[in-house]
């Protein structure tokens, strides 16, 4: 049973979708005015894992997101880059899709663009006016927060508190300072749309409501986004959507924590951010993904180079275990002896680790704990293959096959490929043959009890970046990770 934290109720609830075995999920996407930063990517990684785990549990998931390709900032940025707003939006939309591909994030089933849904947005605004939840003023259309009795139920604040604490434009044509725009009057002939209230474009909040309901229906299962969207964006989405339909907009509201840089939220408006592609130049994508998953999705995370280096070491342990299993399974066992007692114990261990992993993920998608379980599984596998009496027979080949299947399946839920980047697989057969010769000479020295010579060969190889280990299976070597 999956239990997730619902921001609306402020407690963990059993997840029961609107339709059995189906999950409809909407996650607020990017305003395409610049390259994505690590805060955007954290959100994309977290909801990608949530989607993967729901599918792992047997649900059919429909995952929708959006691109905001209309607003004042896009127009201003387009002028700076000497492009049309449409060209600018397309440029940064493509860049974002490249970024998530590099991060092994599966794209949404559909990305909805504001510019392609103007008619549906206008129709929704018309209904809100007819129902007297909205009003027209000087070519603008505003939602009246006082007309919606439950306004503030997501953020847990009343209108007076929000009015005192929020930074809002107090415009003469608003009836109440907290009223928000559904349609904005715009003096831009080249980049605006006709409406019953004059030329303009949609307000920010109405976009998501209209597009989400068009694709997923008036009530769907999960609405996701960052904690910074709780107010005003998601609060306003709820008000206008439920005023429009008279139904609950989304059953469960999920919010991921911020990515902080030097203790402050990473954001474009503050100018304190790393773009995704800047970080990808310094660290492999899987390291960044792994690092982001080492914290619970609702917790804030401090972004720093030392933390990424720690994540690199932790991830490499998991990759090494995966590589050892793959190497052993590449050989066909010659020994047909079986040990059924060993089989029962090992299979029981695999079942226990799978259960623990699922319990962690069932508990509000606790990836941090799930990664800990994956490390425990790696430790048990390493203990099994590094035992002194280890010899690959038919029984152990079967057990390793089962371990590898589970290991890969759980890693896949987290979106981790666990592929070895450096090592013998990436080098020519000539180099491998040369290493085999060097290790044969070292083995001869060991057999002759010429320990100093054997140690000298090992140490000199280490100096040039080649790690040599003596294991129960024999001597193994690998290229050490180079510092970036």
Protein backbone atom coordinates (compact mmCIF):
# COMPACT_ATOMS: atom_id res chain seq x y z
CA UNK A 1 0.00 0.00 0.00
CA UNK A 2 1.43 3.34 -1.05
CA UNK A 3 1.07 6.21 1.40
CA UNK A 4 1.95 9.69 0.22
CA UNK A 5 2.11 13.07 1.89
CA UNK A 6 -0.72 15.26 0.65
CA UNK A 7 0.04 18.96 1.05
CA UNK A 8 -3.71 19.63 1.08
CA UNK A 9 -4.33 17.59 4.25
CA UNK A 10 -0.79 17.89 5.67
CA UNK A 11 -0.59 14.19 6.39
CA UNK A 12 0.24 10.90 4.74
CA UNK A 13 -2.71 9.23 3.06
CA UNK A 14 -3.31 5.90 1.40
CA UNK A 15 -3.06 6.37 -2.35
CA UNK A 16 -6.37 5.46 -4.02
CA UNK A 17 -6.59 6.67 -7.63
CA UNK A 18 -9.78 7.99 -9.19
CA UNK A 19 -9.84 5.02 -11.59
CA UNK A 20 -8.58 1.58 -10.48
CA UNK A 21 -5.07 0.76 -11.73
CA UNK A 22 -4.75 4.12 -13.55
CA UNK A 23 -2.92 7.22 -12.39
CA UNK A 24 -3.38 10.63 -13.98
CA UNK A 25 -0.55 12.97 -13.04
CA UNK A 26 0.16 16.61 -13.87
CA UNK A 27 3.47 18.27 -12.99
CA UNK A 28 4.12 21.97 -13.51
CA UNK A 29 6.80 22.43 -16.13
CA UNK A 30 9.31 25.03 -17.23
CA UNK A 31 8.89 28.64 -18.29
CA UNK A 32 11.09 28.44 -21.36
CA UNK A 33 13.08 31.65 -21.08
CA UNK A 34 16.50 30.20 -20.14
CA UNK A 35 18.35 26.93 -19.65
CA UNK A 36 17.09 24.67 -16.88
CA UNK A 37 18.92 24.77 -13.56
CA UNK A 38 19.47 22.09 -10.93
CA UNK A 39 16.26 23.06 -9.11
CA UNK A 40 14.22 22.29 -12.23
CA UNK A 41 16.07 19.03 -12.76
CA UNK A 42 15.50 17.93 -9.17
CA UNK A 43 11.76 18.25 -9.71
CA UNK A 44 11.96 16.35 -12.99
CA UNK A 45 14.06 13.56 -11.41
CA UNK A 46 11.76 13.20 -8.39
CA UNK A 47 8.54 12.93 -10.40
CA UNK A 48 10.24 10.63 -12.90
CA UNK A 49 11.00 8.23 -10.03
CA UNK A 50 7.46 8.55 -8.64
CA UNK A 51 6.12 7.71 -12.08
CA UNK A 52 8.52 4.75 -12.42
CA UNK A 53 7.58 3.36 -9.03
CA UNK A 54 3.86 3.63 -9.72
CA UNK A 55 4.46 1.67 -12.94
CA UNK A 56 6.58 -0.85 -11.00
CA UNK A 57 3.55 -1.36 -8.74
CA UNK A 58 1.40 -2.10 -11.76
CA UNK A 59 -0.34 1.22 -12.40
CA UNK A 60 -0.89 2.64 -15.87
CA UNK A 61 0.41 6.19 -15.55
CA UNK A 62 -0.51 9.16 -17.73
CA UNK A 63 2.08 11.86 -17.04
CA UNK A 64 1.41 15.37 -18.36
CA UNK A 65 3.50 18.51 -18.04
CA UNK A 66 3.62 21.93 -19.68
CA UNK A 67 5.80 24.62 -21.16
CA UNK A 68 4.88 28.20 -20.36
CA UNK A 69 5.84 29.90 -23.62
CA UNK A 70 3.98 33.18 -23.05
CA UNK A 71 4.83 35.92 -20.56
CA UNK A 72 6.56 39.26 -20.17
CA UNK A 73 9.93 37.72 -19.33
CA UNK A 74 9.96 35.64 -22.52
CA UNK A 75 9.23 38.73 -24.61
CA UNK A 76 11.98 40.70 -22.87
CA UNK A 77 14.51 37.88 -23.18
CA UNK A 78 13.67 37.42 -26.86
CA UNK A 79 14.53 41.06 -27.48
CA UNK A 80 17.87 40.57 -25.70
CA UNK A 81 18.71 37.57 -27.88
CA UNK A 82 17.37 39.19 -31.05
CA UNK A 83 14.79 36.45 -31.57
CA UNK A 84 11.02 36.25 -31.71
CA UNK A 85 9.34 35.03 -28.49
CA UNK A 86 8.34 31.84 -30.30
CA UNK A 87 11.92 31.17 -31.45
CA UNK A 88 13.23 31.77 -27.94
CA UNK A 89 10.66 29.43 -26.39
CA UNK A 90 11.45 26.71 -28.91
CA UNK A 91 15.18 27.10 -28.27
CA UNK A 92 14.92 26.60 -24.50
CA UNK A 93 12.25 23.92 -24.78
CA UNK A 94 14.61 21.87 -26.95
CA UNK A 95 17.46 22.53 -24.50
CA UNK A 96 15.35 21.27 -21.60
CA UNK A 97 14.45 18.09 -23.46
CA UNK A 98 18.16 17.54 -24.15
CA UNK A 99 18.91 18.05 -20.44
CA UNK A 100 16.37 15.51 -19.24
CA UNK A 101 17.52 12.99 -21.86
CA UNK A 102 21.06 13.31 -20.50
CA UNK A 103 19.68 12.73 -16.99
CA UNK A 104 17.82 9.55 -18.03
CA UNK A 105 14.48 11.24 -17.32
CA UNK A 106 11.67 9.90 -19.44
CA UNK A 107 9.75 12.73 -21.14
CA UNK A 108 6.16 13.40 -20.19
CA UNK A 109 3.54 11.61 -22.25
CA UNK A 110 2.65 15.06 -23.51
CA UNK A 111 3.96 18.59 -23.02
CA UNK A 112 1.19 21.14 -23.34
CA UNK A 113 2.12 24.61 -24.59
CA UNK A 114 0.16 27.67 -23.57
CA UNK A 115 0.30 29.14 -27.07
CA UNK A 116 -1.48 26.05 -28.43
CA UNK A 117 -4.33 26.17 -25.90
CA UNK A 118 -5.51 29.79 -26.04
CA UNK A 119 -9.08 28.89 -27.11
CA UNK A 120 -9.57 26.53 -24.16
CA UNK A 121 -8.18 29.10 -21.75
CA UNK A 122 -10.50 31.83 -23.09
CA UNK A 123 -13.47 29.48 -22.80
CA UNK A 124 -12.61 28.74 -19.16
CA UNK A 125 -12.34 32.45 -18.38
CA UNK A 126 -15.76 33.05 -19.98
CA UNK A 127 -17.34 30.44 -17.71
CA UNK A 128 -15.73 31.95 -14.60
CA UNK A 129 -17.11 35.37 -15.57
CA UNK A 130 -20.58 33.89 -16.16
CA UNK A 131 -20.46 32.21 -12.75
CA UNK A 132 -19.43 35.55 -11.19
CA UNK A 133 -16.11 34.25 -9.93
CA UNK A 134 -14.28 36.66 -12.25
CA UNK A 135 -14.74 40.18 -13.55
CA UNK A 136 -13.50 42.36 -16.41
CA UNK A 137 -11.62 45.59 -15.74
CA UNK A 138 -9.97 47.76 -18.39
CA UNK A 139 -9.28 44.84 -20.74
CA UNK A 140 -8.00 42.59 -17.92
CA UNK A 141 -9.91 39.75 -16.31
CA UNK A 142 -9.39 38.99 -12.61
CA UNK A 143 -10.46 36.13 -10.38
CA UNK A 144 -12.19 37.36 -7.25
CA UNK A 145 -10.61 35.53 -4.32
CA UNK A 146 -13.41 36.59 -2.01
CA UNK A 147 -15.91 34.78 -4.24
CA UNK A 148 -14.31 31.39 -3.55
CA UNK A 149 -15.07 30.30 0.01
CA UNK A 150 -12.18 27.81 0.29
CA UNK A 151 -9.47 30.15 -0.95
CA UNK A 152 -6.30 29.43 1.03
CA UNK A 153 -7.04 25.79 1.88
CA UNK A 154 -3.81 24.50 0.30
CA UNK A 155 -1.42 26.97 1.89
CA UNK A 156 -3.37 27.03 5.13
CA UNK A 157 -3.65 30.80 5.33
CA UNK A 158 -6.59 33.14 5.16
CA UNK A 159 -6.89 36.01 2.70
CA UNK A 160 -5.87 38.63 5.24
CA UNK A 161 -2.66 36.76 6.14
CA UNK A 162 -1.74 36.29 2.50
CA UNK A 163 -2.48 39.90 1.69
CA UNK A 164 -0.17 41.05 4.49
CA UNK A 165 2.66 38.65 3.63
CA UNK A 166 2.62 38.57 -0.16
CA UNK A 167 4.14 40.98 -2.61
CA UNK A 168 1.27 41.96 -4.92
CA UNK A 169 0.62 44.73 -7.35
CA UNK A 170 -2.20 46.86 -5.95
CA UNK A 171 -3.85 48.01 -9.15
CA UNK A 172 -6.74 50.44 -9.30
CA UNK A 173 -8.81 48.12 -11.46
CA UNK A 174 -8.73 45.27 -8.92
CA UNK A 175 -11.58 44.88 -6.46
CA UNK A 176 -9.27 43.21 -3.94
CA UNK A 177 -5.43 43.35 -3.82
CA UNK A 178 -5.21 39.53 -3.84
CA UNK A 179 -7.34 39.09 -6.96
CA UNK A 180 -5.23 37.54 -9.71
CA UNK A 181 -5.22 37.88 -13.48
CA UNK A 182 -6.90 35.32 -15.70
CA UNK A 183 -6.37 37.41 -18.82
CA UNK A 184 -3.89 40.25 -19.24
CA UNK A 185 -4.28 43.21 -21.54
CA UNK A 186 -1.14 43.45 -23.67
CA UNK A 187 0.01 46.21 -25.98
CA UNK A 188 1.96 43.94 -28.30
CA UNK A 189 0.46 43.48 -31.75
CA UNK A 190 2.96 40.81 -32.82
CA UNK A 191 2.69 38.60 -29.74
CA UNK A 192 -0.87 38.67 -28.38
CA UNK A 193 -4.22 37.02 -29.01
CA UNK A 194 -7.72 38.29 -29.64
CA UNK A 195 -10.28 37.73 -26.89
CA UNK A 196 -13.75 39.07 -25.95
CA UNK A 197 -11.93 41.52 -23.65
CA UNK A 198 -9.36 42.75 -26.16
CA UNK A 199 -5.88 41.70 -27.20
CA UNK A 200 -3.73 40.02 -24.58
CA UNK A 201 -2.47 36.72 -23.21
CA UNK A 202 -3.40 34.41 -20.32
CA UNK A 203 -2.41 34.92 -16.71
CA UNK A 204 0.09 32.40 -15.37
CA UNK A 205 -2.25 30.36 -13.17
CA UNK A 206 -5.11 29.78 -15.62
CA UNK A 207 -2.75 28.05 -18.05
CA UNK A 208 -2.18 24.94 -15.95
CA UNK A 209 -5.82 24.63 -14.92
CA UNK A 210 -7.17 24.75 -18.46
CA UNK A 211 -4.54 22.44 -19.92
CA UNK A 212 -4.61 19.88 -17.09
CA UNK A 213 -8.40 19.56 -17.14
CA UNK A 214 -8.48 19.37 -20.94
CA UNK A 215 -6.20 16.33 -20.95
CA UNK A 216 -6.85 14.65 -17.58
CA UNK A 217 -10.43 15.66 -16.73
CA UNK A 218 -11.88 17.92 -14.07
CA UNK A 219 -10.59 15.63 -11.29
CA UNK A 220 -7.34 13.72 -11.53
CA UNK A 221 -4.98 11.97 -9.12
CA UNK A 222 -1.67 13.75 -8.58
CA UNK A 223 -0.64 17.36 -9.09
CA UNK A 224 3.07 17.94 -8.52
CA UNK A 225 5.51 20.81 -8.38
CA UNK A 226 8.00 22.53 -6.13
CA UNK A 227 7.21 23.87 -2.66
CA UNK A 228 7.66 27.39 -4.04
CA UNK A 229 4.51 26.86 -6.15
CA UNK A 230 2.16 26.15 -3.23
CA UNK A 231 1.33 29.84 -3.06
CA UNK A 232 0.24 31.57 -5.13
CA UNK A 233 0.32 29.29 -8.17
CA UNK A 234 -1.26 26.10 -6.88
CA UNK A 235 -3.58 27.94 -4.53
CA UNK A 236 -4.91 29.92 -7.48
CA UNK A 237 -5.15 26.83 -9.68
CA UNK A 238 -7.40 25.19 -7.11
CA UNK A 239 -9.64 28.23 -6.75
CA UNK A 240 -10.26 28.81 -10.45
CA UNK A 241 -10.49 25.09 -11.35
CA UNK A 242 -12.95 24.15 -8.62
CA UNK A 243 -14.97 27.33 -9.20
CA UNK A 244 -15.15 26.34 -12.88
CA UNK A 245 -16.08 22.68 -12.47
CA UNK A 246 -17.61 22.45 -9.00
CA UNK A 247 -15.43 19.37 -8.41
CA UNK A 248 -12.19 18.57 -6.57
CA UNK A 249 -9.34 19.53 -8.91
CA UNK A 250 -6.63 17.07 -7.78
CA UNK A 251 -6.86 14.39 -5.06
CA UNK A 252 -3.21 14.54 -4.00
CA UNK A 253 -0.86 17.52 -3.99
CA UNK A 254 2.86 16.63 -3.98
CA UNK A 255 5.62 19.19 -3.55
CA UNK A 256 9.35 18.61 -3.81
CA UNK A 257 11.83 20.60 -1.71
CA UNK A 258 14.10 23.32 -3.02
CA UNK A 259 17.72 23.02 -4.09
CA UNK A 260 19.76 25.47 -2.05
CA UNK A 261 23.03 27.14 -2.92
CA UNK A 262 24.89 28.68 0.03
CA UNK A 263 21.78 28.22 2.14
CA UNK A 264 19.43 30.03 -0.24
CA UNK A 265 16.96 28.66 -2.76
CA UNK A 266 18.46 28.32 -6.22
CA UNK A 267 16.47 30.53 -8.60
CA UNK A 268 16.84 32.47 -11.82
CA UNK A 269 15.30 35.59 -10.33
CA UNK A 270 18.01 35.71 -7.64
CA UNK A 271 20.78 34.86 -10.08
CA UNK A 272 22.18 32.14 -7.80
CA UNK A 273 21.97 28.99 -9.83
CA UNK A 274 23.95 26.45 -11.85
CA UNK A 275 22.42 25.50 -15.18
CA UNK A 276 22.03 21.78 -15.71
CA UNK A 277 24.50 21.80 -18.56
CA UNK A 278 27.13 23.59 -16.46
CA UNK A 279 26.99 20.83 -13.86
CA UNK A 280 26.97 18.11 -16.53
CA UNK A 281 30.35 19.40 -17.74
CA UNK A 282 31.84 18.60 -14.32
CA UNK A 283 29.96 15.50 -13.21
CA UNK A 284 28.35 12.54 -15.00
CA UNK A 285 24.58 12.76 -15.28
CA UNK A 286 24.04 9.61 -13.21
CA UNK A 287 26.05 11.11 -10.33
CA UNK A 288 23.82 14.21 -10.32
CA UNK A 289 20.69 12.08 -10.45
CA UNK A 290 21.96 9.82 -7.67
CA UNK A 291 22.89 12.82 -5.51
CA UNK A 292 19.41 14.33 -5.88
CA UNK A 293 17.81 11.04 -4.82
CA UNK A 294 19.91 10.70 -1.67
CA UNK A 295 17.50 13.10 0.03
CA UNK A 296 13.77 12.62 0.49
CA UNK A 297 11.94 14.49 -2.26
CA UNK A 298 10.13 16.78 0.20
CA UNK A 299 13.32 17.86 1.97
CA UNK A 300 15.46 20.80 0.83
CA UNK A 301 18.85 19.80 -0.48
CA UNK A 302 22.13 21.73 -0.33
CA UNK A 303 23.97 21.68 -3.62
CA UNK A 304 27.75 21.65 -3.40
CA UNK A 305 30.73 20.14 -5.19
CA UNK A 306 31.91 18.21 -2.07
CA UNK A 307 28.45 16.62 -1.79
CA UNK A 308 28.57 15.58 -5.43
CA UNK A 309 32.00 14.03 -4.89
CA UNK A 310 30.62 12.02 -1.96
CA UNK A 311 27.75 10.88 -4.15
CA UNK A 312 30.28 9.82 -6.81
CA UNK A 313 32.05 7.49 -4.37
CA UNK A 314 28.76 6.02 -3.13
CA UNK A 315 27.47 5.44 -6.67
CA UNK A 316 30.73 3.82 -7.76
CA UNK A 317 30.27 1.15 -5.08
CA UNK A 318 26.92 0.22 -6.62
CA UNK A 319 28.38 0.27 -10.13
CA UNK A 320 31.28 -1.96 -9.10
CA UNK A 321 28.88 -4.58 -7.72
CA UNK A 322 26.86 -4.50 -10.94
CA UNK A 323 30.03 -4.91 -12.99
CA UNK A 324 31.28 -7.84 -10.91
CA UNK A 325 28.01 -9.68 -11.42
CA UNK A 326 27.99 -8.99 -15.15
CA UNK A 327 31.58 -10.25 -15.47
CA UNK A 328 30.85 -13.48 -13.62
CA UNK A 329 27.63 -14.11 -15.53
CA UNK A 330 29.52 -13.73 -18.81
CA UNK A 331 31.12 -17.14 -18.11
CA UNK A 332 29.34 -20.48 -18.33
CA UNK A 333 29.69 -22.53 -15.15
CA UNK A 334 31.44 -25.87 -15.60
CA UNK A 335 30.82 -27.22 -12.10
CA UNK A 336 27.32 -28.71 -11.87
CA UNK A 337 27.33 -29.12 -8.07
CA UNK A 338 24.41 -27.58 -6.21
CA UNK A 339 23.91 -26.45 -2.63
CA UNK A 340 20.20 -26.16 -1.94
CA UNK A 341 20.73 -24.83 1.59
CA UNK A 342 22.75 -21.91 0.22
CA UNK A 343 20.06 -21.35 -2.39
CA UNK A 344 17.26 -21.07 0.17
CA UNK A 345 19.19 -18.60 2.36
CA UNK A 346 20.26 -16.42 -0.56
CA UNK A 347 16.81 -16.32 -2.18
CA UNK A 348 15.29 -15.43 1.19
CA UNK A 349 17.77 -12.54 1.46
CA UNK A 350 16.77 -11.27 -1.99
CA UNK A 351 13.09 -11.37 -1.08
CA UNK A 352 13.76 -9.52 2.16
CA UNK A 353 15.69 -6.74 0.39
CA UNK A 354 13.00 -6.37 -2.24
CA UNK A 355 10.38 -6.09 0.49
CA UNK A 356 12.45 -3.49 2.37
CA UNK A 357 12.93 -1.48 -0.83
CA UNK A 358 9.21 -1.49 -1.54
CA UNK A 359 8.40 -0.52 2.05
CA UNK A 360 10.72 2.49 1.70
CA UNK A 361 9.14 3.58 -1.57
CA UNK A 362 5.61 2.88 -0.34
CA UNK A 363 6.31 5.32 2.47
CA UNK A 364 5.95 8.55 0.47
CA UNK A 365 8.57 7.57 -2.12
CA UNK A 366 11.54 7.57 0.29
CA UNK A 367 14.38 7.32 -2.24
CA UNK A 368 17.01 8.08 0.39
CA UNK A 369 16.05 4.96 2.33
CA UNK A 370 15.61 2.96 -0.88
CA UNK A 371 19.20 3.77 -1.88
CA UNK A 372 20.33 2.53 1.53
CA UNK A 373 18.53 -0.78 0.86
CA UNK A 374 20.22 -1.01 -2.54
CA UNK A 375 23.60 -0.60 -0.81
CA UNK A 376 22.65 -3.34 1.65
CA UNK A 377 21.80 -5.62 -1.26
CA UNK A 378 25.13 -4.79 -2.90
CA UNK A 379 26.90 -5.68 0.35
CA UNK A 380 25.19 -9.09 0.52
CA UNK A 381 26.04 -9.79 -3.13
CA UNK A 382 29.67 -8.80 -2.59
CA UNK A 383 29.85 -11.02 0.49
CA UNK A 384 28.50 -13.91 -1.58
CA UNK A 385 30.91 -13.61 -4.52
CA UNK A 386 33.98 -12.72 -2.43
CA UNK A 387 33.80 -15.67 -0.07
CA UNK A 388 36.96 -17.76 0.01
CA UNK A 389 35.19 -20.90 -1.19
CA UNK A 390 33.45 -19.19 -4.09
CA UNK A 391 33.51 -21.19 -7.30
CA UNK A 392 31.06 -20.49 -10.09
CA UNK A 393 28.91 -23.59 -10.36
CA UNK A 394 25.45 -24.02 -11.80
CA UNK A 395 23.81 -23.25 -8.47
CA UNK A 396 25.74 -20.02 -7.89
CA UNK A 397 25.21 -18.97 -11.49
CA UNK A 398 21.45 -19.25 -10.90
CA UNK A 399 21.69 -17.25 -7.66
CA UNK A 400 23.77 -14.53 -9.29
CA UNK A 401 21.28 -14.34 -12.15
CA UNK A 402 18.44 -13.81 -9.70
CA UNK A 403 20.47 -11.25 -7.73
CA UNK A 404 21.35 -9.38 -10.90
CA UNK A 405 17.71 -9.26 -12.03
CA UNK A 406 16.57 -7.81 -8.71
CA UNK A 407 19.52 -5.42 -8.46
CA UNK A 408 18.84 -4.05 -11.93
CA UNK A 409 15.09 -3.88 -11.38
CA UNK A 410 15.39 -1.83 -8.20
CA UNK A 411 18.05 0.42 -9.71
CA UNK A 412 15.80 0.98 -12.71
CA UNK A 413 13.02 2.28 -10.43
CA UNK A 414 15.51 4.98 -9.38
CA UNK A 415 16.53 5.55 -13.00
CA UNK A 416 20.10 4.30 -12.38
CA UNK A 417 21.82 2.43 -15.20
CA UNK A 418 24.87 1.45 -13.09
CA UNK A 419 27.15 1.21 -16.11
CA UNK A 420 30.91 1.09 -15.70
CA UNK A 421 32.45 4.09 -17.47
CA UNK A 422 36.12 3.27 -16.95
CA UNK A 423 37.68 -0.15 -16.87
CA UNK A 424 38.68 -3.11 -18.95
CA UNK A 425 35.52 -2.99 -21.07
CA UNK A 426 36.54 0.32 -22.61
CA UNK A 427 40.06 -0.56 -23.66
CA UNK A 428 41.55 -2.43 -26.60
CA UNK A 429 42.36 -6.10 -26.54
CA UNK A 430 46.05 -5.20 -26.97
CA UNK A 431 46.01 -3.23 -23.74
CA UNK A 432 44.13 -6.03 -21.99
CA UNK A 433 46.65 -8.60 -23.25
CA UNK A 434 49.51 -6.43 -21.98
CA UNK A 435 47.89 -6.21 -18.55
CA UNK A 436 47.42 -9.96 -18.51
CA UNK A 437 51.15 -10.40 -19.19
CA UNK A 438 52.10 -7.97 -16.39
CA UNK A 439 49.84 -9.74 -13.93
CA UNK A 440 51.24 -13.14 -14.96
CA UNK A 441 54.73 -11.85 -14.11
CA UNK A 442 53.43 -10.58 -10.77
CA UNK A 443 51.78 -13.94 -10.05
CA UNK A 444 55.03 -15.73 -10.82
CA UNK A 445 56.81 -13.45 -8.34
CA UNK A 446 54.20 -14.28 -5.71
CA UNK A 447 54.58 -18.00 -6.33
CA UNK A 448 58.35 -17.65 -5.94
CA UNK A 449 57.69 -15.68 -2.73
CA UNK A 450 59.36 -12.61 -4.23
CA UNK A 451 56.98 -10.37 -2.30
CA UNK A 452 58.90 -7.15 -2.86
CA UNK A 453 58.81 -7.60 -6.64
CA UNK A 454 55.09 -8.45 -6.57
CA UNK A 455 54.35 -5.39 -4.42
CA UNK A 456 56.50 -3.19 -6.63
CA UNK A 457 54.49 -4.18 -9.73
CA UNK A 458 51.24 -3.49 -7.92
CA UNK A 459 52.45 -0.13 -6.58
CA UNK A 460 53.81 1.07 -9.92
CA UNK A 461 50.55 0.16 -11.62
CA UNK A 462 48.71 2.11 -8.93
CA UNK A 463 50.89 5.15 -9.60
CA UNK A 464 49.81 5.21 -13.25
CA UNK A 465 46.14 4.82 -12.33
CA UNK A 466 45.62 1.05 -12.51
CA UNK A 467 44.13 -0.58 -9.43
CA UNK A 468 45.08 -4.22 -8.74
CA UNK A 469 43.17 -6.40 -6.29
CA UNK A 470 43.77 -9.98 -5.17
CA UNK A 471 40.40 -11.70 -4.75
CA UNK A 472 39.28 -15.30 -4.16
CA UNK A 473 38.61 -15.46 -7.91
CA UNK A 474 42.15 -14.37 -8.73
CA UNK A 475 43.81 -11.03 -9.49
CA UNK A 476 41.57 -8.32 -10.96
CA UNK A 477 42.44 -4.87 -12.30
CA UNK A 478 40.61 -1.73 -13.23
CA UNK A 479 41.40 1.84 -14.19
CA UNK A 480 40.86 4.22 -11.29
CA UNK A 481 38.42 7.11 -11.74
CA UNK A 482 40.25 10.17 -13.01
CA UNK A 483 39.68 13.52 -11.30
CA UNK A 484 37.75 15.91 -13.51
